[in-house]
PDB file of N, CA and C in Angstrom:
ATOM      1  N   MET A   1    -181.959  28.211-179.823  1.00  0.00           N
ATOM      2  CA  MET A   1    -181.698  29.202-178.702  1.00  0.00           C
ATOM      3  C   MET A   1    -181.496  28.689-177.433  1.00  0.00           C
ATOM      4  N   GLY A   2    -182.294  27.623-177.092  1.00  0.00           N
ATOM      5  CA  GLY A   2    -182.167  26.950-175.775  1.00  0.00           C
ATOM      6  C   GLY A   2    -180.940  26.442-175.435  1.00  0.00           C
ATOM      7  N   ASN A   3    -180.249  25.812-176.658  1.00  0.00           N
ATOM      8  CA  ASN A   3    -179.001  25.088-176.535  1.00  0.00           C
ATOM      9  C   ASN A   3    -177.839  26.179-176.123  1.00  0.00           C
ATOM     10  N   ILE A   4    -178.009  27.289-176.779  1.00  0.00           N
ATOM     11  CA  ILE A   4    -176.947  28.438-176.431  1.00  0.00           C
ATOM     12  C   ILE A   4    -176.905  28.801-175.105  1.00  0.00           C
ATOM     13  N   ILE A   5    -178.045  29.041-174.633  1.00  0.00           N
ATOM     14  CA  ILE A   5    -178.459  29.472-173.190  1.00  0.00           C
ATOM     15  C   ILE A   5    -177.834  28.323-172.316  1.00  0.00           C
ATOM     16  N   THR A   6    -178.211  27.151-172.587  1.00  0.00           N
ATOM     17  CA  THR A   6    -177.795  25.958-171.701  1.00  0.00           C
ATOM     18  C   THR A   6    -176.281  25.751-171.671  1.00  0.00           C
ATOM     19  N   SER A   7    -175.597  25.989-172.805  1.00  0.00           N
ATOM     20  CA  SER A   7    -174.129  25.824-172.907  1.00  0.00           C
ATOM     21  C   SER A   7    -173.521  27.026-172.186  1.00  0.00           C
ATOM     22  N   LYS A   8    -174.031  28.164-172.360  1.00  0.00           N
ATOM     23  CA  LYS A   8    -173.424  29.270-171.471  1.00  0.00           C
ATOM     24  C   LYS A   8    -173.569  29.086-170.117  1.00  0.00           C
ATOM     25  N   LEU A   9    -174.797  28.542-169.623  1.00  0.00           N
ATOM     26  CA  LEU A   9    -175.026  28.263-168.275  1.00  0.00           C
ATOM     27  C   LEU A   9    -174.010  27.075-167.742  1.00  0.00           C
ATOM     28  N   GLN A  10    -173.884  26.241-168.581  1.00  0.00           N
ATOM     29  CA  GLN A  10    -173.025  25.022-168.118  1.00  0.00           C
ATOM     30  C   GLN A  10    -171.595  25.501-168.091  1.00  0.00           C
ATOM     31  N   ARG A  11    -171.061  26.308-168.922  1.00  0.00           N
ATOM     32  CA  ARG A  11    -169.793  26.892-168.809  1.00  0.00           C
ATOM     33  C   ARG A  11    -169.576  27.741-167.572  1.00  0.00           C
ATOM     34  N   SER A  12    -170.549  28.488-167.243  1.00  0.00           N
ATOM     35  CA  SER A  12    -170.606  29.305-165.932  1.00  0.00           C
ATOM     36  C   SER A  12    -170.446  28.343-164.801  1.00  0.00           C
ATOM     37  N   MET A  13    -171.272  27.412-164.733  1.00  0.00           N
ATOM     38  CA  MET A  13    -171.128  26.473-163.720  1.00  0.00           C
ATOM     39  C   MET A  13    -169.980  25.698-163.562  1.00  0.00           C
ATOM     40  N   ASP A  14    -169.276  25.398-164.709  1.00  0.00           N
ATOM     41  CA  ASP A  14    -167.990  24.675-164.672  1.00  0.00           C
ATOM     42  C   ASP A  14    -166.895  25.650-164.161  1.00  0.00           C
ATOM     43  N   GLN A  15    -166.994  26.860-164.501  1.00  0.00           N
ATOM     44  CA  GLN A  15    -166.016  27.871-164.033  1.00  0.00           C
ATOM     45  C   GLN A  15    -166.193  28.048-162.485  1.00  0.00           C
ATOM     46  N   ALA A  16    -167.350  28.103-162.047  1.00  0.00           N
ATOM     47  CA  ALA A  16    -167.710  28.240-160.667  1.00  0.00           C
ATOM     48  C   ALA A  16    -167.107  27.025-159.865  1.00  0.00           C
ATOM     49  N   LYS A  17    -167.255  25.879-160.383  1.00  0.00           N
ATOM     50  CA  LYS A  17    -166.671  24.798-159.741  1.00  0.00           C
ATOM     51  C   LYS A  17    -165.215  24.705-159.686  1.00  0.00           C
ATOM     52  N   ALA A  18    -164.597  25.265-160.726  1.00  0.00           N
ATOM     53  CA  ALA A  18    -163.100  25.231-160.758  1.00  0.00           C
ATOM     54  C   ALA A  18    -162.448  26.391-160.153  1.00  0.00           C
ATOM     55  N   THR A  19    -163.369  27.318-159.730  1.00  0.00           N
ATOM     56  CA  THR A  19    -162.880  28.546-158.917  1.00  0.00           C
ATOM     57  C   THR A  19    -162.464  28.139-157.485  1.00  0.00           C
ATOM     58  N   LYS A  20    -161.466  28.469-156.992  1.00  0.00           N
ATOM     59  CA  LYS A  20    -161.145  28.247-155.562  1.00  0.00           C
ATOM     60  C   LYS A  20    -160.534  29.578-154.985  1.00  0.00           C
ATOM     61  N   TYR A  21    -160.582  29.714-153.765  1.00  0.00           N
ATOM     62  CA  TYR A  21    -160.240  30.951-153.111  1.00  0.00           C
ATOM     63  C   TYR A  21    -159.132  30.493-151.979  1.00  0.00           C
ATOM     64  N   LEU A  22    -158.079  31.243-151.956  1.00  0.00           N
ATOM     65  CA  LEU A  22    -157.022  31.093-151.009  1.00  0.00           C
ATOM     66  C   LEU A  22    -156.955  32.400-150.101  1.00  0.00           C
ATOM     67  N   TYR A  23    -156.466  32.317-148.962  1.00  0.00           N
ATOM     68  CA  TYR A  23    -156.441  33.405-148.040  1.00  0.00           C
ATOM     69  C   TYR A  23    -155.088  33.668-147.397  1.00  0.00           C
ATOM     70  N   LYS A  24    -154.897  34.956-147.058  1.00  0.00           N
ATOM     71  CA  LYS A  24    -153.650  35.407-146.474  1.00  0.00           C
ATOM     72  C   LYS A  24    -154.001  36.507-145.458  1.00  0.00           C
ATOM     73  N   ILE A  25    -153.230  36.729-144.650  1.00  0.00           N
ATOM     74  CA  ILE A  25    -153.442  37.772-143.467  1.00  0.00           C
ATOM     75  C   ILE A  25    -152.365  38.715-143.790  1.00  0.00           C
ATOM     76  N   ARG A  26    -152.715  40.017-143.963  1.00  0.00           N
ATOM     77  CA  ARG A  26    -151.633  41.165-144.230  1.00  0.00           C
ATOM     78  C   ARG A  26    -151.879  42.146-143.138  1.00  0.00           C
ATOM     79  N   ASP A  27    -150.781  42.777-142.606  1.00  0.00           N
ATOM     80  CA  ASP A  27    -150.745  43.830-141.733  1.00  0.00           C
ATOM     81  C   ASP A  27    -150.858  45.043-142.512  1.00  0.00           C
ATOM     82  N   LYS A  28    -151.926  45.830-142.305  1.00  0.00           N
ATOM     83  CA  LYS A  28    -152.132  47.004-143.046  1.00  0.00           C
ATOM     84  C   LYS A  28    -151.082  48.029-142.968  1.00  0.00           C
ATOM     85  N   LYS A  29    -150.379  48.061-141.800  1.00  0.00           N
ATOM     86  CA  LYS A  29    -149.496  49.107-141.538  1.00  0.00           C
ATOM     87  C   LYS A  29    -148.113  48.753-142.123  1.00  0.00           C
ATOM     88  N   THR A  30    -147.596  47.563-142.179  1.00  0.00           N
ATOM     89  CA  THR A  30    -146.411  47.222-142.864  1.00  0.00           C
ATOM     90  C   THR A  30    -146.498  46.779-144.308  1.00  0.00           C
ATOM     91  N   GLY A  31    -147.708  46.032-144.763  1.00  0.00           N
ATOM     92  CA  GLY A  31    -147.845  45.432-145.855  1.00  0.00           C
ATOM     93  C   GLY A  31    -147.283  44.138-145.994  1.00  0.00           C
ATOM     94  N   LEU A  32    -146.864  43.636-144.836  1.00  0.00           N
ATOM     95  CA  LEU A  32    -146.305  42.226-144.886  1.00  0.00           C
ATOM     96  C   LEU A  32    -147.418  41.086-144.390  1.00  0.00           C
ATOM     97  N   TYR A  33    -147.012  39.879-144.781  1.00  0.00           N
ATOM     98  CA  TYR A  33    -148.021  38.860-144.721  1.00  0.00           C
ATOM     99  C   TYR A  33    -147.597  37.902-143.432  1.00  0.00           C
ATOM    100  N   SER A  34    -148.617  37.516-142.708  1.00  0.00           N
ATOM    101  CA  SER A  34    -148.451  36.584-141.621  1.00  0.00           C
ATOM    102  C   SER A  34    -147.825  35.218-142.075  1.00  0.00           C
ATOM    103  N   THR A  35    -146.948  34.703-141.297  1.00  0.00           N
ATOM    104  CA  THR A  35    -146.388  33.358-141.656  1.00  0.00           C
ATOM    105  C   THR A  35    -147.137  32.325-140.661  1.00  0.00           C
ATOM    106  N   GLY A  36    -148.207  32.719-140.022  1.00  0.00           N
ATOM    107  CA  GLY A  36    -149.034  31.739-139.231  1.00  0.00           C
ATOM    108  C   GLY A  36    -148.387  31.394-137.845  1.00  0.00           C
ATOM    109  N   GLY A  37    -149.115  30.592-137.219  1.00  0.00           N
ATOM    110  CA  GLY A  37    -148.561  30.173-135.963  1.00  0.00           C
ATOM    111  C   GLY A  37    -148.954  31.075-134.781  1.00  0.00           C
ATOM    112  N   MET A  38    -148.759  30.644-133.498  1.00  0.00           N
ATOM    113  CA  MET A  38    -149.127  31.382-132.376  1.00  0.00           C
ATOM    114  C   MET A  38    -148.427  32.686-132.153  1.00  0.00           C
ATOM    115  N   TYR A  39    -147.164  32.717-132.593  1.00  0.00           N
ATOM    116  CA  TYR A  39    -146.456  34.014-132.597  1.00  0.00           C
ATOM    117  C   TYR A  39    -145.846  34.201-134.051  1.00  0.00           C
ATOM    118  N   PRO A  40    -146.903  34.707-134.908  1.00  0.00           N
ATOM    119  CA  PRO A  40    -146.484  34.806-136.330  1.00  0.00           C
ATOM    120  C   PRO A  40    -145.412  35.739-136.644  1.00  0.00           C
ATOM    121  N   GLY A  41    -144.512  35.361-137.685  1.00  0.00           N
ATOM    122  CA  GLY A  41    -143.604  36.206-138.155  1.00  0.00           C
ATOM    123  C   GLY A  41    -144.206  36.948-139.364  1.00  0.00           C
ATOM    124  N   TRP A  42    -143.527  37.926-140.009  1.00  0.00           N
ATOM    125  CA  TRP A  42    -144.071  38.582-141.072  1.00  0.00           C
ATOM    126  C   TRP A  42    -143.212  38.655-142.169  1.00  0.00           C
ATOM    127  N   GLY A  43    -143.662  38.462-143.473  1.00  0.00           N
ATOM    128  CA  GLY A  43    -142.863  38.603-144.575  1.00  0.00           C
ATOM    129  C   GLY A  43    -143.446  38.945-145.885  1.00  0.00           C
ATOM    130  N   THR A  44    -142.714  38.981-146.911  1.00  0.00           N
ATOM    131  CA  THR A  44    -143.354  39.341-148.233  1.00  0.00           C
ATOM    132  C   THR A  44    -144.175  38.253-148.823  1.00  0.00           C
ATOM    133  N   LYS A  45    -144.119  37.030-148.564  1.00  0.00           N
ATOM    134  CA  LYS A  45    -144.934  35.950-148.947  1.00  0.00           C
ATOM    135  C   LYS A  45    -145.838  35.450-148.030  1.00  0.00           C
ATOM    136  N   GLY A  46    -145.425  35.131-146.832  1.00  0.00           N
ATOM    137  CA  GLY A  46    -146.346  34.730-145.647  1.00  0.00           C
ATOM    138  C   GLY A  46    -147.005  33.387-146.104  1.00  0.00           C
ATOM    139  N   LYS A  47    -147.846  32.830-145.239  1.00  0.00           N
ATOM    140  CA  LYS A  47    -148.594  31.656-145.238  1.00  0.00           C
ATOM    141  C   LYS A  47    -149.775  31.837-146.079  1.00  0.00           C
ATOM    142  N   THR A  48    -150.262  30.825-146.870  1.00  0.00           N
ATOM    143  CA  THR A  48    -151.538  30.882-147.477  1.00  0.00           C
ATOM    144  C   THR A  48    -152.347  29.757-146.947  1.00  0.00           C
ATOM    145  N   TRP A  49    -153.661  30.193-146.568  1.00  0.00           N
ATOM    146  CA  TRP A  49    -154.523  29.146-146.070  1.00  0.00           C
ATOM    147  C   TRP A  49    -155.506  28.723-147.180  1.00  0.00           C
ATOM    148  N   ASN A  50    -155.875  27.445-147.135  1.00  0.00           N
ATOM    149  CA  ASN A  50    -156.740  26.867-148.376  1.00  0.00           C
ATOM    150  C   ASN A  50    -158.152  27.044-148.183  1.00  0.00           C
ATOM    151  N   SER A  51    -158.622  27.622-146.956  1.00  0.00           N
ATOM    152  CA  SER A  51    -159.951  27.638-146.799  1.00  0.00           C
ATOM    153  C   SER A  51    -160.334  28.811-145.632  1.00  0.00           C
ATOM    154  N   ILE A  52    -161.451  29.345-145.822  1.00  0.00           N
ATOM    155  CA  ILE A  52    -161.662  30.506-144.777  1.00  0.00           C
ATOM    156  C   ILE A  52    -161.894  29.713-143.388  1.00  0.00           C
ATOM    157  N   GLY A  53    -162.184  28.484-143.369  1.00  0.00           N
ATOM    158  CA  GLY A  53    -162.488  27.813-142.018  1.00  0.00           C
ATOM    159  C   GLY A  53    -160.950  27.577-141.426  1.00  0.00           C
ATOM    160  N   SER A  54    -160.046  27.179-142.297  1.00  0.00           N
ATOM    161  CA  SER A  54    -158.659  27.113-141.586  1.00  0.00           C
ATOM    162  C   SER A  54    -158.071  28.370-141.149  1.00  0.00           C
ATOM    163  N   LEU A  55    -158.336  29.459-142.004  1.00  0.00           N
ATOM    164  CA  LEU A  55    -157.943  30.815-141.515  1.00  0.00           C
ATOM    165  C   LEU A  55    -158.674  31.173-140.229  1.00  0.00           C
ATOM    166  N   LYS A  56    -159.920  31.026-140.235  1.00  0.00           N
ATOM    167  CA  LYS A  56    -160.617  31.447-138.847  1.00  0.00           C
ATOM    168  C   LYS A  56    -160.036  30.600-137.764  1.00  0.00           C
ATOM    169  N   CYS A  57    -159.784  29.360-137.977  1.00  0.00           N
ATOM    170  CA  CYS A  57    -159.226  28.424-136.882  1.00  0.00           C
ATOM    171  C   CYS A  57    -157.931  29.058-136.411  1.00  0.00           C
ATOM    172  N   HIS A  58    -157.084  29.576-137.360  1.00  0.00           N
ATOM    173  CA  HIS A  58    -155.842  30.272-136.996  1.00  0.00           C
ATOM    174  C   HIS A  58    -156.106  31.422-136.171  1.00  0.00           C
ATOM    175  N   LEU A  59    -157.123  32.274-136.594  1.00  0.00           N
ATOM    176  CA  LEU A  59    -157.396  33.503-135.918  1.00  0.00           C
ATOM    177  C   LEU A  59    -158.018  33.243-134.559  1.00  0.00           C
ATOM    178  N   ARG A  60    -158.612  32.301-134.403  1.00  0.00           N
ATOM    179  CA  ARG A  60    -159.391  31.860-133.172  1.00  0.00           C
ATOM    180  C   ARG A  60    -158.399  31.805-131.999  1.00  0.00           C
ATOM    181  N   GLN A  61    -157.255  31.563-132.140  1.00  0.00           N
ATOM    182  CA  GLN A  61    -156.162  31.584-131.041  1.00  0.00           C
ATOM    183  C   GLN A  61    -155.960  32.918-130.531  1.00  0.00           C
ATOM    184  N   PHE A  62    -156.289  34.009-131.143  1.00  0.00           N
ATOM    185  CA  PHE A  62    -156.147  35.391-130.784  1.00  0.00           C
ATOM    186  C   PHE A  62    -157.406  35.828-130.030  1.00  0.00           C
ATOM    187  N   CYS A  63    -158.306  34.912-129.660  1.00  0.00           N
ATOM    188  CA  CYS A  63    -159.597  35.261-128.956  1.00  0.00           C
ATOM    189  C   CYS A  63    -159.519  34.515-127.781  1.00  0.00           C
ATOM    190  N   ASP A  64    -160.035  35.222-126.731  1.00  0.00           N
ATOM    191  CA  ASP A  64    -160.244  34.463-125.451  1.00  0.00           C
ATOM    192  C   ASP A  64    -161.818  34.210-125.248  1.00  0.00           C
ATOM    193  N   TYR A  65    -162.104  33.042-124.835  1.00  0.00           N
ATOM    194  CA  TYR A  65    -163.430  32.481-124.573  1.00  0.00           C
ATOM    195  C   TYR A  65    -163.496  32.209-123.177  1.00  0.00           C
ATOM    196  N   LYS A  66    -164.865  32.308-122.601  1.00  0.00           N
ATOM    197  CA  LYS A  66    -165.175  31.891-121.343  1.00  0.00           C
ATOM    198  C   LYS A  66    -166.465  31.189-121.283  1.00  0.00           C
ATOM    199  N   LYS A  67    -166.747  30.240-120.348  1.00  0.00           N
ATOM    200  CA  LYS A  67    -167.999  29.512-120.222  1.00  0.00           C
ATOM    201  C   LYS A  67    -169.025  30.348-119.827  1.00  0.00           C
ATOM    202  N   SER A  68    -170.203  30.102-120.231  1.00  0.00           N
ATOM    203  CA  SER A  68    -171.401  30.833-119.839  1.00  0.00           C
ATOM    204  C   SER A  68    -171.609  30.604-118.244  1.00  0.00           C
ATOM    205  N   SER A  69    -172.528  31.255-117.716  1.00  0.00           N
ATOM    206  CA  SER A  69    -172.824  31.174-116.243  1.00  0.00           C
ATOM    207  C   SER A  69    -173.342  29.845-115.897  1.00  0.00           C
ATOM    208  N   SER A  70    -174.061  29.220-117.037  1.00  0.00           N
ATOM    209  CA  SER A  70    -174.567  27.809-116.759  1.00  0.00           C
ATOM    210  C   SER A  70    -173.485  26.776-116.987  1.00  0.00           C
ATOM    211  N   GLY A  71    -172.345  27.261-117.466  1.00  0.00           N
ATOM    212  CA  GLY A  71    -171.187  26.209-117.663  1.00  0.00           C
ATOM    213  C   GLY A  71    -171.269  25.372-118.897  1.00  0.00           C
ATOM    214  N   THR A  72    -172.240  25.635-119.777  1.00  0.00           N
ATOM    215  CA  THR A  72    -172.372  24.617-120.702  1.00  0.00           C
ATOM    216  C   THR A  72    -171.977  25.122-122.234  1.00  0.00           C
ATOM    217  N   ASN A  73    -171.865  26.382-122.377  1.00  0.00           N
ATOM    218  CA  ASN A  73    -171.423  27.135-123.588  1.00  0.00           C
ATOM    219  C   ASN A  73    -170.403  27.935-123.364  1.00  0.00           C
ATOM    220  N   TRP A  74    -169.599  28.093-124.487  1.00  0.00           N
ATOM    221  CA  TRP A  74    -168.461  29.049-124.591  1.00  0.00           C
ATOM    222  C   TRP A  74    -168.847  30.211-125.385  1.00  0.00           C
ATOM    223  N   HIS A  75    -168.354  31.327-124.858  1.00  0.00           N
ATOM    224  CA  HIS A  75    -168.696  32.657-125.534  1.00  0.00           C
ATOM    225  C   HIS A  75    -167.452  33.504-125.704  1.00  0.00           C
ATOM    226  N   LEU A  76    -167.482  34.227-126.772  1.00  0.00           N
ATOM    227  CA  LEU A  76    -166.323  35.078-126.929  1.00  0.00           C
ATOM    228  C   LEU A  76    -166.176  36.133-125.924  1.00  0.00           C
ATOM    229  N   HIS A  77    -165.205  36.142-125.265  1.00  0.00           N
ATOM    230  CA  HIS A  77    -164.865  37.093-123.974  1.00  0.00           C
ATOM    231  C   HIS A  77    -164.083  38.374-124.489  1.00  0.00           C
ATOM    232  N   GLU A  78    -163.102  38.015-125.290  1.00  0.00           N
ATOM    233  CA  GLU A  78    -162.187  39.114-125.764  1.00  0.00           C
ATOM    234  C   GLU A  78    -161.407  38.912-127.080  1.00  0.00           C
ATOM    235  N   ASN A  79    -161.763  39.674-128.090  1.00  0.00           N
ATOM    236  CA  ASN A  79    -161.179  39.469-129.251  1.00  0.00           C
ATOM    237  C   ASN A  79    -159.816  40.318-129.348  1.00  0.00           C
ATOM    238  N   LYS A  80    -158.642  39.557-129.479  1.00  0.00           N
ATOM    239  CA  LYS A  80    -157.296  40.113-129.439  1.00  0.00           C
ATOM    240  C   LYS A  80    -156.767  40.252-130.796  1.00  0.00           C
ATOM    241  N   ILE A  81    -157.580  40.020-131.862  1.00  0.00           N
ATOM    242  CA  ILE A  81    -157.101  40.053-133.225  1.00  0.00           C
ATOM    243  C   ILE A  81    -156.695  41.674-133.536  1.00  0.00           C
ATOM    244  N   PRO A  82    -155.489  41.957-133.915  1.00  0.00           N
ATOM    245  CA  PRO A  82    -155.162  43.439-134.178  1.00  0.00           C
ATOM    246  C   PRO A  82    -155.945  43.947-135.203  1.00  0.00           C
ATOM    247  N   LYS A  83    -156.460  45.159-134.999  1.00  0.00           N
ATOM    248  CA  LYS A  83    -157.447  45.748-135.936  1.00  0.00           C
ATOM    249  C   LYS A  83    -156.733  46.042-137.319  1.00  0.00           C
ATOM    250  N   ASP A  84    -155.406  46.156-137.278  1.00  0.00           N
ATOM    251  CA  ASP A  84    -154.769  46.482-138.552  1.00  0.00           C
ATOM    252  C   ASP A  84    -154.319  45.194-139.383  1.00  0.00           C
ATOM    253  N   TRP A  85    -154.836  44.101-138.970  1.00  0.00           N
ATOM    254  CA  TRP A  85    -154.791  42.908-139.654  1.00  0.00           C
ATOM    255  C   TRP A  85    -155.937  42.797-140.647  1.00  0.00           C
ATOM    256  N   GLU A  86    -155.726  42.491-142.061  1.00  0.00           N
ATOM    257  CA  GLU A  86    -156.800  42.267-143.068  1.00  0.00           C
ATOM    258  C   GLU A  86    -156.571  40.892-143.650  1.00  0.00           C
ATOM    259  N   VAL A  87    -157.744  40.364-144.067  1.00  0.00           N
ATOM    260  CA  VAL A  87    -157.613  39.109-144.751  1.00  0.00           C
ATOM    261  C   VAL A  87    -157.787  39.341-146.286  1.00  0.00           C
ATOM    262  N   ILE A  88    -156.763  38.781-146.974  1.00  0.00           N
ATOM    263  CA  ILE A  88    -156.795  38.960-148.439  1.00  0.00           C
ATOM    264  C   ILE A  88    -157.301  37.589-148.980  1.00  0.00           C
ATOM    265  N   LYS A  89    -158.318  37.829-149.903  1.00  0.00           N
ATOM    266  CA  LYS A  89    -159.045  36.750-150.410  1.00  0.00           C
ATOM    267  C   LYS A  89    -158.506  36.580-151.950  1.00  0.00           C
ATOM    268  N   ILE A  90    -157.809  35.596-152.322  1.00  0.00           N
ATOM    269  CA  ILE A  90    -157.266  35.410-153.614  1.00  0.00           C
ATOM    270  C   ILE A  90    -158.023  34.367-154.443  1.00  0.00           C
ATOM    271  N   LYS A  91    -158.435  34.803-155.691  1.00  0.00           N
ATOM    272  CA  LYS A  91    -159.104  33.822-156.602  1.00  0.00           C
ATOM    273  C   LYS A  91    -158.128  33.059-157.396  1.00  0.00           C
ATOM    274  N   TYR A  92    -158.319  31.699-157.126  1.00  0.00           N
ATOM    275  CA  TYR A  92    -157.335  30.784-157.767  1.00  0.00           C
ATOM    276  C   TYR A  92    -158.128  29.800-158.695  1.00  0.00           C
ATOM    277  N   ILE A  93    -157.766  29.930-159.984  1.00  0.00           N
ATOM    278  CA  ILE A  93    -158.395  28.915-160.845  1.00  0.00           C
ATOM    279  C   ILE A  93    -157.605  27.909-161.420  1.00  0.00           C
ATOM    280  N   GLU A  94    -157.851  26.633-161.020  1.00  0.00           N
ATOM    281  CA  GLU A  94    -157.018  25.562-161.264  1.00  0.00           C
ATOM    282  C   GLU A  94    -157.120  25.340-162.801  1.00  0.00           C
ATOM    283  N   THR A  95    -155.879  25.135-163.428  1.00  0.00           N
ATOM    284  CA  THR A  95    -155.841  24.877-164.930  1.00  0.00           C
ATOM    285  C   THR A  95    -154.740  23.852-165.063  1.00  0.00           C
ATOM    286  N   GLU A  96    -155.039  22.823-166.010  1.00  0.00           N
ATOM    287  CA  GLU A  96    -154.119  21.752-166.301  1.00  0.00           C
ATOM    288  C   GLU A  96    -153.035  22.342-167.160  1.00  0.00           C
ATOM    289  N   VAL A  97    -151.804  22.167-166.802  1.00  0.00           N
ATOM    290  CA  VAL A  97    -150.820  22.864-167.658  1.00  0.00           C
ATOM    291  C   VAL A  97    -149.930  21.799-168.372  1.00  0.00           C
ATOM    292  N   GLU A  98    -149.540  20.701-167.571  1.00  0.00           N
ATOM    293  CA  GLU A  98    -148.653  19.686-168.133  1.00  0.00           C
ATOM    294  C   GLU A  98    -148.797  18.416-167.399  1.00  0.00           C
ATOM    295  N   HIS A  99    -148.653  17.184-168.109  1.00  0.00           N
ATOM    296  CA  HIS A  99    -148.612  15.913-167.333  1.00  0.00           C
ATOM    297  C   HIS A  99    -147.121  15.509-167.263  1.00  0.00           C
ATOM    298  N   ILE A 100    -146.916  15.120-165.988  1.00  0.00           N
ATOM    299  CA  ILE A 100    -145.332  14.651-165.735  1.00  0.00           C
ATOM    300  C   ILE A 100    -145.426  13.209-165.074  1.00  0.00           C
ATOM    301  N   SER A 101    -144.672  12.272-165.608  1.00  0.00           N
ATOM    302  CA  SER A 101    -144.722  10.937-164.991  1.00  0.00           C
ATOM    303  C   SER A 101    -144.123  10.981-163.560  1.00  0.00           C
ATOM    304  N   ALA A 102    -144.893  10.601-162.638  1.00  0.00           N
ATOM    305  CA  ALA A 102    -144.407  10.565-161.269  1.00  0.00           C
ATOM    306  C   ALA A 102    -143.068   9.793-161.104  1.00  0.00           C
ATOM    307  N   PHE A 103    -143.083   8.686-161.755  1.00  0.00           N
ATOM    308  CA  PHE A 103    -141.981   7.905-161.747  1.00  0.00           C
ATOM    309  C   PHE A 103    -140.647   8.709-162.180  1.00  0.00           C
ATOM    310  N   ASP A 104    -140.706   9.290-163.188  1.00  0.00           N
ATOM    311  CA  ASP A 104    -139.538   9.990-163.664  1.00  0.00           C
ATOM    312  C   ASP A 104    -139.066  11.086-162.786  1.00  0.00           C
ATOM    313  N   LEU A 105    -139.739  11.590-161.773  1.00  0.00           N
ATOM    314  CA  LEU A 105    -139.316  12.537-160.878  1.00  0.00           C
ATOM    315  C   LEU A 105    -138.066  11.921-159.976  1.00  0.00           C
ATOM    316  N   TYR A 106    -138.170  10.601-159.869  1.00  0.00           N
ATOM    317  CA  TYR A 106    -137.024   9.956-159.060  1.00  0.00           C
ATOM    318  C   TYR A 106    -136.465   8.755-160.042  1.00  0.00           C
ATOM    319  N   PRO A 107    -135.575   9.108-160.866  1.00  0.00           N
ATOM    320  CA  PRO A 107    -134.969   8.007-161.658  1.00  0.00           C
ATOM    321  C   PRO A 107    -134.302   7.013-160.778  1.00  0.00           C
ATOM    322  N   GLU A 108    -134.055   5.840-161.280  1.00  0.00           N
ATOM    323  CA  GLU A 108    -133.402   4.699-160.526  1.00  0.00           C
ATOM    324  C   GLU A 108    -131.866   5.130-160.069  1.00  0.00           C
ATOM    325  N   GLU A 109    -131.408   5.852-160.987  1.00  0.00           N
ATOM    326  CA  GLU A 109    -129.819   6.310-160.557  1.00  0.00           C
ATOM    327  C   GLU A 109    -129.992   7.791-160.548  1.00  0.00           C
ATOM    328  N   PHE A 110    -129.577   8.435-159.357  1.00  0.00           N
ATOM    329  CA  PHE A 110    -129.439   9.817-159.117  1.00  0.00           C
ATOM    330  C   PHE A 110    -128.074  10.118-159.770  1.00  0.00           C
ATOM    331  N   GLU A 111    -128.124  11.429-160.339  1.00  0.00           N
ATOM    332  CA  GLU A 111    -126.888  11.973-160.915  1.00  0.00           C
ATOM    333  C   GLU A 111    -126.116  12.694-159.868  1.00  0.00           C
TER     334      GLU A 111
END
C-alpha cells in the first residue's frame, strides 16, 4: 500500500515540476492581446511572457514612482495601468514529441 501512495505522490510531484505558466495581457474591452513595449500594439496573438516577474517588469513602466521624503526609498506614486487590462495565466506542460538532428536543419547544400 505504501508503494502505491509513494508512486502517486512521485507522479504528482513530477507533474508539478513539468508544469509551467505563461502570461499574456488582454484588453477586456477589445479582447485583443498586448504586443508589449512602451507603446504596446494589440492583436489576436500578442506577446507571451515566460514568467510573472518579466510580466510585472513590463507593467512597471506604466507606474510612476517617487522617492520618499528621506530620499532613500522609492514608492509607488501613481499606477497608470489601465483597469481594463487583465493578465491571462496559461498552463503549459512541456512534453517531448520528437527528436530532430540539429545538424540536419542546415544541410551542407541548400536547395
